[in-house]
PDB file of all heavy atoms in Angstrom:
ATOM      1  N   PHE A   1      18.225 -28.685 -36.771  1.00  0.00           N
ATOM      2  CA  PHE A   1      17.135 -29.629 -37.000  1.00  0.00           C
ATOM      3  C   PHE A   1      16.151 -29.569 -35.836  1.00  0.00           C
ATOM      4  O   PHE A   1      14.928 -29.534 -36.030  1.00  0.00           O
ATOM      5  CB  PHE A   1      17.730 -31.035 -37.145  1.00  0.00           C
ATOM      6  CG  PHE A   1      16.709 -32.119 -37.349  1.00  0.00           C
ATOM      7  CD1 PHE A   1      15.769 -32.041 -38.368  1.00  0.00           C
ATOM      8  CD2 PHE A   1      16.710 -33.252 -36.554  1.00  0.00           C
ATOM      9  CE1 PHE A   1      14.846 -33.050 -38.573  1.00  0.00           C
ATOM     10  CE2 PHE A   1      15.799 -34.269 -36.749  1.00  0.00           C
ATOM     11  CZ  PHE A   1      14.867 -34.168 -37.768  1.00  0.00           C
ATOM     12  N   ALA A   2      16.692 -29.528 -34.627  1.00  0.00           N
ATOM     13  CA  ALA A   2      15.834 -29.500 -33.438  1.00  0.00           C
ATOM     14  C   ALA A   2      15.065 -28.191 -33.308  1.00  0.00           C
ATOM     15  O   ALA A   2      14.011 -28.148 -32.675  1.00  0.00           O
ATOM     16  CB  ALA A   2      16.680 -29.720 -32.181  1.00  0.00           C
ATOM     17  N   ALA A   3      15.557 -27.095 -33.911  1.00  0.00           N
ATOM     18  CA  ALA A   3      14.861 -25.807 -33.816  1.00  0.00           C
ATOM     19  C   ALA A   3      13.435 -25.927 -34.324  1.00  0.00           C
ATOM     20  O   ALA A   3      12.505 -25.323 -33.767  1.00  0.00           O
ATOM     21  CB  ALA A   3      15.622 -24.741 -34.619  1.00  0.00           C
ATOM     22  N   GLY A   4      13.246 -26.710 -35.380  1.00  0.00           N
ATOM     23  CA  GLY A   4      11.893 -26.923 -35.895  1.00  0.00           C
ATOM     24  C   GLY A   4      11.003 -27.630 -34.891  1.00  0.00           C
ATOM     25  O   GLY A   4       9.798 -27.377 -34.827  1.00  0.00           O
ATOM     26  N   PHE A   5      11.600 -28.500 -34.085  1.00  0.00           N
ATOM     27  CA  PHE A   5      10.832 -29.214 -33.076  1.00  0.00           C
ATOM     28  C   PHE A   5      10.515 -28.324 -31.885  1.00  0.00           C
ATOM     29  O   PHE A   5       9.438 -28.426 -31.287  1.00  0.00           O
ATOM     30  CB  PHE A   5      11.609 -30.443 -32.610  1.00  0.00           C
ATOM     31  CG  PHE A   5      11.752 -31.503 -33.654  1.00  0.00           C
ATOM     32  CD1 PHE A   5      12.845 -31.532 -34.493  1.00  0.00           C
ATOM     33  CD2 PHE A   5      10.780 -32.475 -33.808  1.00  0.00           C
ATOM     34  CE1 PHE A   5      12.981 -32.502 -35.456  1.00  0.00           C
ATOM     35  CE2 PHE A   5      10.911 -33.452 -34.771  1.00  0.00           C
ATOM     36  CZ  PHE A   5      12.005 -33.478 -35.600  1.00  0.00           C
ATOM     37  N   LEU A   6      11.452 -27.465 -31.514  1.00  0.00           N
ATOM     38  CA  LEU A   6      11.269 -26.634 -30.326  1.00  0.00           C
ATOM     39  C   LEU A   6      10.079 -25.695 -30.446  1.00  0.00           C
ATOM     40  O   LEU A   6       9.424 -25.382 -29.446  1.00  0.00           O
ATOM     41  CB  LEU A   6      12.543 -25.828 -30.057  1.00  0.00           C
ATOM     42  CG  LEU A   6      13.772 -26.645 -29.637  1.00  0.00           C
ATOM     43  CD1 LEU A   6      15.001 -25.753 -29.548  1.00  0.00           C
ATOM     44  CD2 LEU A   6      13.520 -27.333 -28.296  1.00  0.00           C
ATOM     45  N   VAL A   7       9.792 -25.219 -31.666  1.00  0.00           N
ATOM     46  CA  VAL A   7       8.691 -24.262 -31.824  1.00  0.00           C
ATOM     47  C   VAL A   7       7.358 -24.941 -32.121  1.00  0.00           C
ATOM     48  O   VAL A   7       6.326 -24.266 -32.190  1.00  0.00           O
ATOM     49  CB  VAL A   7       8.994 -23.231 -32.937  1.00  0.00           C
ATOM     50  CG1 VAL A   7      10.234 -22.437 -32.619  1.00  0.00           C
ATOM     51  CG2 VAL A   7       9.122 -23.900 -34.291  1.00  0.00           C
ATOM     52  N   ARG A   8       7.371 -26.261 -32.267  1.00  0.00           N
ATOM     53  CA  ARG A   8       6.109 -26.948 -32.576  1.00  0.00           C
ATOM     54  C   ARG A   8       5.011 -26.703 -31.533  1.00  0.00           C
ATOM     55  O   ARG A   8       3.853 -26.494 -31.897  1.00  0.00           O
ATOM     56  CB  ARG A   8       6.364 -28.443 -32.772  1.00  0.00           C
ATOM     57  CG  ARG A   8       6.865 -28.773 -34.164  1.00  0.00           C
ATOM     58  CD  ARG A   8       7.359 -30.198 -34.281  1.00  0.00           C
ATOM     59  NE  ARG A   8       6.328 -31.181 -33.969  1.00  0.00           N
ATOM     60  CZ  ARG A   8       6.517 -32.492 -34.069  1.00  0.00           C
ATOM     61  NH1 ARG A   8       7.692 -32.959 -34.492  1.00  0.00           N
ATOM     62  NH2 ARG A   8       5.566 -33.331 -33.772  1.00  0.00           N
ATOM     63  N   PRO A   9       5.321 -26.708 -30.224  1.00  0.00           N
ATOM     64  CA  PRO A   9       4.257 -26.422 -29.255  1.00  0.00           C
ATOM     65  C   PRO A   9       3.640 -25.036 -29.436  1.00  0.00           C
ATOM     66  O   PRO A   9       2.445 -24.844 -29.190  1.00  0.00           O
ATOM     67  CB  PRO A   9       4.974 -26.538 -27.899  1.00  0.00           C
ATOM     68  CG  PRO A   9       6.123 -27.459 -28.162  1.00  0.00           C
ATOM     69  CD  PRO A   9       6.566 -27.131 -29.550  1.00  0.00           C
ATOM     70  N   PHE A  10       4.439 -24.059 -29.872  1.00  0.00           N
ATOM     71  CA  PHE A  10       3.897 -22.716 -30.093  1.00  0.00           C
ATOM     72  C   PHE A  10       2.973 -22.723 -31.313  1.00  0.00           C
ATOM     73  O   PHE A  10       1.953 -22.048 -31.340  1.00  0.00           O
ATOM     74  CB  PHE A  10       5.031 -21.713 -30.259  1.00  0.00           C
ATOM     75  CG  PHE A  10       5.943 -21.655 -29.078  1.00  0.00           C
ATOM     76  CD1 PHE A  10       7.187 -22.282 -29.102  1.00  0.00           C
ATOM     77  CD2 PHE A  10       5.558 -21.007 -27.913  1.00  0.00           C
ATOM     78  CE1 PHE A  10       8.024 -22.252 -28.000  1.00  0.00           C
ATOM     79  CE2 PHE A  10       6.387 -20.965 -26.805  1.00  0.00           C
ATOM     80  CZ  PHE A  10       7.618 -21.593 -26.845  1.00  0.00           C
ATOM     81  N   GLY A  11       3.336 -23.504 -32.335  1.00  0.00           N
ATOM     82  CA  GLY A  11       2.433 -23.687 -33.469  1.00  0.00           C
ATOM     83  C   GLY A  11       1.139 -24.360 -33.046  1.00  0.00           C
ATOM     84  O   GLY A  11       0.057 -24.022 -33.542  1.00  0.00           O
ATOM     85  N   ALA A  12       1.256 -25.304 -32.101  1.00  0.00           N
ATOM     86  CA  ALA A  12       0.054 -25.980 -31.593  1.00  0.00           C
ATOM     87  C   ALA A  12      -0.883 -24.985 -30.904  1.00  0.00           C
ATOM     88  O   ALA A  12      -2.110 -25.057 -31.053  1.00  0.00           O
ATOM     89  CB  ALA A  12       0.462 -27.084 -30.616  1.00  0.00           C
ATOM     90  N   LEU A  13      -0.300 -24.042 -30.144  1.00  0.00           N
ATOM     91  CA  LEU A  13      -1.125 -23.045 -29.459  1.00  0.00           C
ATOM     92  C   LEU A  13      -1.793 -22.097 -30.456  1.00  0.00           C
ATOM     93  O   LEU A  13      -2.992 -21.832 -30.381  1.00  0.00           O
ATOM     94  CB  LEU A  13      -0.267 -22.244 -28.477  1.00  0.00           C
ATOM     95  CG  LEU A  13       0.239 -22.988 -27.239  1.00  0.00           C
ATOM     96  CD1 LEU A  13       1.200 -22.113 -26.446  1.00  0.00           C
ATOM     97  CD2 LEU A  13      -0.928 -23.417 -26.364  1.00  0.00           C
ATOM     98  N   VAL A  14      -0.994 -21.592 -31.410  1.00  0.00           N
ATOM     99  CA  VAL A  14      -1.512 -20.606 -32.368  1.00  0.00           C
ATOM    100  C   VAL A  14      -2.586 -21.224 -33.266  1.00  0.00           C
ATOM    101  O   VAL A  14      -3.706 -20.725 -33.376  1.00  0.00           O
ATOM    102  CB  VAL A  14      -0.367 -20.034 -33.229  1.00  0.00           C
ATOM    103  CG1 VAL A  14      -0.923 -19.169 -34.354  1.00  0.00           C
ATOM    104  CG2 VAL A  14       0.584 -19.221 -32.359  1.00  0.00           C
ATOM    105  N   PHE A  15      -2.238 -22.335 -33.905  1.00  0.00           N
ATOM    106  CA  PHE A  15      -3.157 -22.920 -34.876  1.00  0.00           C
ATOM    107  C   PHE A  15      -4.241 -23.774 -34.212  1.00  0.00           C
ATOM    108  O   PHE A  15      -5.326 -23.934 -34.761  1.00  0.00           O
ATOM    109  CB  PHE A  15      -2.375 -23.732 -35.905  1.00  0.00           C
ATOM    110  CG  PHE A  15      -1.509 -22.885 -36.788  1.00  0.00           C
ATOM    111  CD1 PHE A  15      -0.126 -22.914 -36.673  1.00  0.00           C
ATOM    112  CD2 PHE A  15      -2.074 -22.030 -37.721  1.00  0.00           C
ATOM    113  CE1 PHE A  15       0.680 -22.122 -37.475  1.00  0.00           C
ATOM    114  CE2 PHE A  15      -1.283 -21.221 -38.533  1.00  0.00           C
ATOM    115  CZ  PHE A  15       0.102 -21.273 -38.409  1.00  0.00           C
ATOM    116  N   GLY A  16      -3.925 -24.321 -33.025  1.00  0.00           N
ATOM    117  CA  GLY A  16      -4.972 -25.032 -32.282  1.00  0.00           C
ATOM    118  C   GLY A  16      -6.098 -24.084 -31.904  1.00  0.00           C
ATOM    119  O   GLY A  16      -7.278 -24.407 -32.043  1.00  0.00           O
ATOM    120  N   ARG A  17      -5.726 -22.897 -31.441  1.00  0.00           N
ATOM    121  CA  ARG A  17      -6.730 -21.887 -31.102  1.00  0.00           C
ATOM    122  C   ARG A  17      -7.553 -21.502 -32.327  1.00  0.00           C
ATOM    123  O   ARG A  17      -8.786 -21.421 -32.275  1.00  0.00           O
ATOM    124  CB  ARG A  17      -6.032 -20.653 -30.519  1.00  0.00           C
ATOM    125  CG  ARG A  17      -6.961 -19.501 -30.173  1.00  0.00           C
ATOM    126  CD  ARG A  17      -6.173 -18.347 -29.558  1.00  0.00           C
ATOM    127  NE  ARG A  17      -7.049 -17.225 -29.274  1.00  0.00           N
ATOM    128  CZ  ARG A  17      -7.378 -16.286 -30.156  1.00  0.00           C
ATOM    129  NH1 ARG A  17      -6.901 -16.353 -31.397  1.00  0.00           N
ATOM    130  NH2 ARG A  17      -8.186 -15.294 -29.815  1.00  0.00           N
ATOM    131  N   LEU A  18      -6.865 -21.261 -33.457  1.00  0.00           N
ATOM    132  CA  LEU A  18      -7.579 -20.913 -34.691  1.00  0.00           C
ATOM    133  C   LEU A  18      -8.519 -22.038 -35.126  1.00  0.00           C
ATOM    134  O   LEU A  18      -9.648 -21.797 -35.562  1.00  0.00           O
ATOM    135  CB  LEU A  18      -6.572 -20.624 -35.813  1.00  0.00           C
ATOM    136  CG  LEU A  18      -5.905 -19.257 -35.805  1.00  0.00           C
ATOM    137  CD1 LEU A  18      -4.864 -19.176 -36.913  1.00  0.00           C
ATOM    138  CD2 LEU A  18      -6.941 -18.142 -35.982  1.00  0.00           C
ATOM    139  N   GLY A  19      -8.043 -23.269 -35.007  1.00  0.00           N
ATOM    140  CA  GLY A  19      -8.866 -24.408 -35.415  1.00  0.00           C
ATOM    141  C   GLY A  19     -10.131 -24.547 -34.602  1.00  0.00           C
ATOM    142  O   GLY A  19     -11.181 -24.955 -35.117  1.00  0.00           O
ATOM    143  N   ASP A  20     -10.054 -24.203 -33.306  1.00  0.00           N
ATOM    144  CA  ASP A  20     -11.249 -24.279 -32.456  1.00  0.00           C
ATOM    145  C   ASP A  20     -12.131 -23.045 -32.584  1.00  0.00           C
ATOM    146  O   ASP A  20     -13.304 -23.078 -32.220  1.00  0.00           O
ATOM    147  CB  ASP A  20     -10.832 -24.465 -30.991  1.00  0.00           C
ATOM    148  CG  ASP A  20     -10.416 -25.900 -30.688  1.00  0.00           C
ATOM    149  OD1 ASP A  20     -10.967 -26.823 -31.317  1.00  0.00           O
ATOM    150  OD2 ASP A  20      -9.528 -26.100 -29.838  1.00  0.00           O
ATOM    151  N   LEU A  21     -11.563 -21.940 -33.114  1.00  0.00           N
ATOM    152  CA  LEU A  21     -12.353 -20.714 -33.282  1.00  0.00           C
ATOM    153  C   LEU A  21     -13.000 -20.614 -34.661  1.00  0.00           C
ATOM    154  O   LEU A  21     -14.200 -20.334 -34.771  1.00  0.00           O
ATOM    155  CB  LEU A  21     -11.464 -19.477 -33.054  1.00  0.00           C
ATOM    156  CG  LEU A  21     -11.090 -19.142 -31.612  1.00  0.00           C
ATOM    157  CD1 LEU A  21     -10.108 -17.979 -31.581  1.00  0.00           C
ATOM    158  CD2 LEU A  21     -12.343 -18.777 -30.806  1.00  0.00           C
ATOM    159  N   VAL A  22     -12.211 -20.833 -35.732  1.00  0.00           N
ATOM    160  CA  VAL A  22     -12.723 -20.590 -37.086  1.00  0.00           C
ATOM    161  C   VAL A  22     -12.925 -21.859 -37.894  1.00  0.00           C
ATOM    162  O   VAL A  22     -13.542 -21.817 -38.958  1.00  0.00           O
ATOM    163  CB  VAL A  22     -11.798 -19.634 -37.874  1.00  0.00           C
ATOM    164  CG1 VAL A  22     -11.615 -18.324 -37.139  1.00  0.00           C
ATOM    165  CG2 VAL A  22     -10.431 -20.276 -38.127  1.00  0.00           C
ATOM    166  N   GLY A  23     -12.383 -22.989 -37.440  1.00  0.00           N
ATOM    167  CA  GLY A  23     -12.627 -24.237 -38.153  1.00  0.00           C
ATOM    168  C   GLY A  23     -11.365 -24.975 -38.532  1.00  0.00           C
ATOM    169  O   GLY A  23     -10.283 -24.408 -38.612  1.00  0.00           O
ATOM    170  N   ARG A  24     -11.548 -26.298 -38.770  1.00  0.00           N
ATOM    171  CA  ARG A  24     -10.415 -27.165 -39.074  1.00  0.00           C
ATOM    172  C   ARG A  24      -9.875 -26.904 -40.485  1.00  0.00           C
ATOM    173  O   ARG A  24      -8.667 -26.844 -40.714  1.00  0.00           O
ATOM    174  CB  ARG A  24     -10.836 -28.626 -38.991  1.00  0.00           C
ATOM    175  CG  ARG A  24     -11.244 -29.252 -37.661  1.00  0.00           C
ATOM    176  CD  ARG A  24     -11.803 -28.453 -36.585  1.00  0.00           C
ATOM    177  NE  ARG A  24     -12.333 -29.273 -35.481  1.00  0.00           N
ATOM    178  CZ  ARG A  24     -12.473 -28.837 -34.255  1.00  0.00           C
ATOM    179  NH1 ARG A  24     -12.107 -27.593 -33.952  1.00  0.00           N
ATOM    180  NH2 ARG A  24     -12.990 -29.607 -33.322  1.00  0.00           N
ATOM    181  N   LYS A  25     -10.794 -26.738 -41.464  1.00  0.00           N
ATOM    182  CA  LYS A  25     -10.402 -26.660 -42.878  1.00  0.00           C
ATOM    183  C   LYS A  25      -9.493 -25.465 -43.158  1.00  0.00           C
ATOM    184  O   LYS A  25      -8.439 -25.611 -43.795  1.00  0.00           O
ATOM    185  CB  LYS A  25     -11.644 -26.589 -43.760  1.00  0.00           C
ATOM    186  CG  LYS A  25     -11.335 -26.377 -45.235  1.00  0.00           C
ATOM    187  CD  LYS A  25     -12.591 -26.281 -46.074  1.00  0.00           C
ATOM    188  CE  LYS A  25     -12.247 -25.928 -47.523  1.00  0.00           C
ATOM    189  NZ  LYS A  25     -13.433 -25.857 -48.383  1.00  0.00           N
ATOM    190  N   TYR A  26      -9.861 -24.273 -42.695  1.00  0.00           N
ATOM    191  CA  TYR A  26      -9.090 -23.077 -43.035  1.00  0.00           C
ATOM    192  C   TYR A  26      -7.741 -23.064 -42.319  1.00  0.00           C
ATOM    193  O   TYR A  26      -6.758 -22.528 -42.837  1.00  0.00           O
ATOM    194  CB  TYR A  26      -9.915 -21.824 -42.720  1.00  0.00           C
ATOM    195  CG  TYR A  26     -11.142 -21.748 -43.597  1.00  0.00           C
ATOM    196  CD1 TYR A  26     -12.400 -22.035 -43.100  1.00  0.00           C
ATOM    197  CD2 TYR A  26     -11.019 -21.445 -44.959  1.00  0.00           C
ATOM    198  CE1 TYR A  26     -13.520 -22.012 -43.916  1.00  0.00           C
ATOM    199  CE2 TYR A  26     -12.131 -21.417 -45.782  1.00  0.00           C
ATOM    200  CZ  TYR A  26     -13.384 -21.704 -45.260  1.00  0.00           C
ATOM    201  OH  TYR A  26     -14.485 -21.694 -46.080  1.00  0.00           O
ATOM    202  N   THR A  27      -7.695 -23.665 -41.148  1.00  0.00           N
ATOM    203  CA  THR A  27      -6.415 -23.786 -40.451  1.00  0.00           C
ATOM    204  C   THR A  27      -5.481 -24.709 -41.230  1.00  0.00           C
ATOM    205  O   THR A  27      -4.279 -24.456 -41.355  1.00  0.00           O
ATOM    206  CB  THR A  27      -6.629 -24.316 -39.024  1.00  0.00           C
ATOM    207  OG1 THR A  27      -7.621 -23.508 -38.382  1.00  0.00           O
ATOM    208  CG2 THR A  27      -5.349 -24.261 -38.215  1.00  0.00           C
ATOM    209  N   PHE A  28      -6.043 -25.797 -41.768  1.00  0.00           N
ATOM    210  CA  PHE A  28      -5.296 -26.709 -42.647  1.00  0.00           C
ATOM    211  C   PHE A  28      -4.597 -25.956 -43.768  1.00  0.00           C
ATOM    212  O   PHE A  28      -3.435 -26.189 -44.078  1.00  0.00           O
ATOM    213  CB  PHE A  28      -6.279 -27.660 -43.330  1.00  0.00           C
ATOM    214  CG  PHE A  28      -6.528 -28.948 -42.606  1.00  0.00           C
ATOM    215  CD1 PHE A  28      -7.591 -29.742 -42.987  1.00  0.00           C
ATOM    216  CD2 PHE A  28      -5.711 -29.373 -41.574  1.00  0.00           C
ATOM    217  CE1 PHE A  28      -7.827 -30.950 -42.358  1.00  0.00           C
ATOM    218  CE2 PHE A  28      -5.949 -30.570 -40.932  1.00  0.00           C
ATOM    219  CZ  PHE A  28      -7.012 -31.359 -41.321  1.00  0.00           C
ATOM    220  N   LEU A  29      -5.339 -25.084 -44.423  1.00  0.00           N
ATOM    221  CA  LEU A  29      -4.812 -24.366 -45.583  1.00  0.00           C
ATOM    222  C   LEU A  29      -3.648 -23.450 -45.193  1.00  0.00           C
ATOM    223  O   LEU A  29      -2.659 -23.343 -45.917  1.00  0.00           O
ATOM    224  CB  LEU A  29      -5.924 -23.554 -46.252  1.00  0.00           C
ATOM    225  CG  LEU A  29      -7.044 -24.378 -46.892  1.00  0.00           C
ATOM    226  CD1 LEU A  29      -8.170 -23.478 -47.378  1.00  0.00           C
ATOM    227  CD2 LEU A  29      -6.507 -25.213 -48.048  1.00  0.00           C
ATOM    228  N   MET A  30      -3.757 -22.801 -44.054  1.00  0.00           N
ATOM    229  CA  MET A  30      -2.689 -21.919 -43.598  1.00  0.00           C
ATOM    230  C   MET A  30      -1.413 -22.700 -43.297  1.00  0.00           C
ATOM    231  O   MET A  30      -0.308 -22.298 -43.702  1.00  0.00           O
ATOM    232  CB  MET A  30      -3.128 -21.154 -42.350  1.00  0.00           C
ATOM    233  CG  MET A  30      -4.222 -20.128 -42.609  1.00  0.00           C
ATOM    234  SD  MET A  30      -4.757 -19.323 -41.079  1.00  0.00           S
ATOM    235  CE  MET A  30      -3.251 -18.496 -40.589  1.00  0.00           C
ATOM    236  N   THR A  31      -1.547 -23.814 -42.591  1.00  0.00           N
ATOM    237  CA  THR A  31      -0.351 -24.567 -42.194  1.00  0.00           C
ATOM    238  C   THR A  31       0.380 -25.128 -43.407  1.00  0.00           C
ATOM    239  O   THR A  31       1.613 -25.105 -43.475  1.00  0.00           O
ATOM    240  CB  THR A  31      -0.703 -25.711 -41.227  1.00  0.00           C
ATOM    241  OG1 THR A  31      -1.621 -26.616 -41.856  1.00  0.00           O
ATOM    242  CG2 THR A  31      -1.317 -25.165 -39.946  1.00  0.00           C
ATOM    243  N   ILE A  32      -0.357 -25.609 -44.382  1.00  0.00           N
ATOM    244  CA  ILE A  32       0.294 -26.221 -45.543  1.00  0.00           C
ATOM    245  C   ILE A  32       0.994 -25.174 -46.406  1.00  0.00           C
ATOM    246  O   ILE A  32       2.054 -25.427 -46.986  1.00  0.00           O
ATOM    247  CB  ILE A  32      -0.723 -27.057 -46.351  1.00  0.00           C
ATOM    248  CG1 ILE A  32       0.016 -28.158 -47.103  1.00  0.00           C
ATOM    249  CG2 ILE A  32      -1.526 -26.207 -47.321  1.00  0.00           C
ATOM    250  CD1 ILE A  32      -0.893 -29.229 -47.642  1.00  0.00           C
TER     251      ILE A  32
END
């Protein structure tokens, strides 16, 4: 269960960068 939590910061780095580069909407679609 905790494994999902441990990688969340890495998801924040990957998708946070994408969100600031290409936009909020398209990053939303990828994550969902």
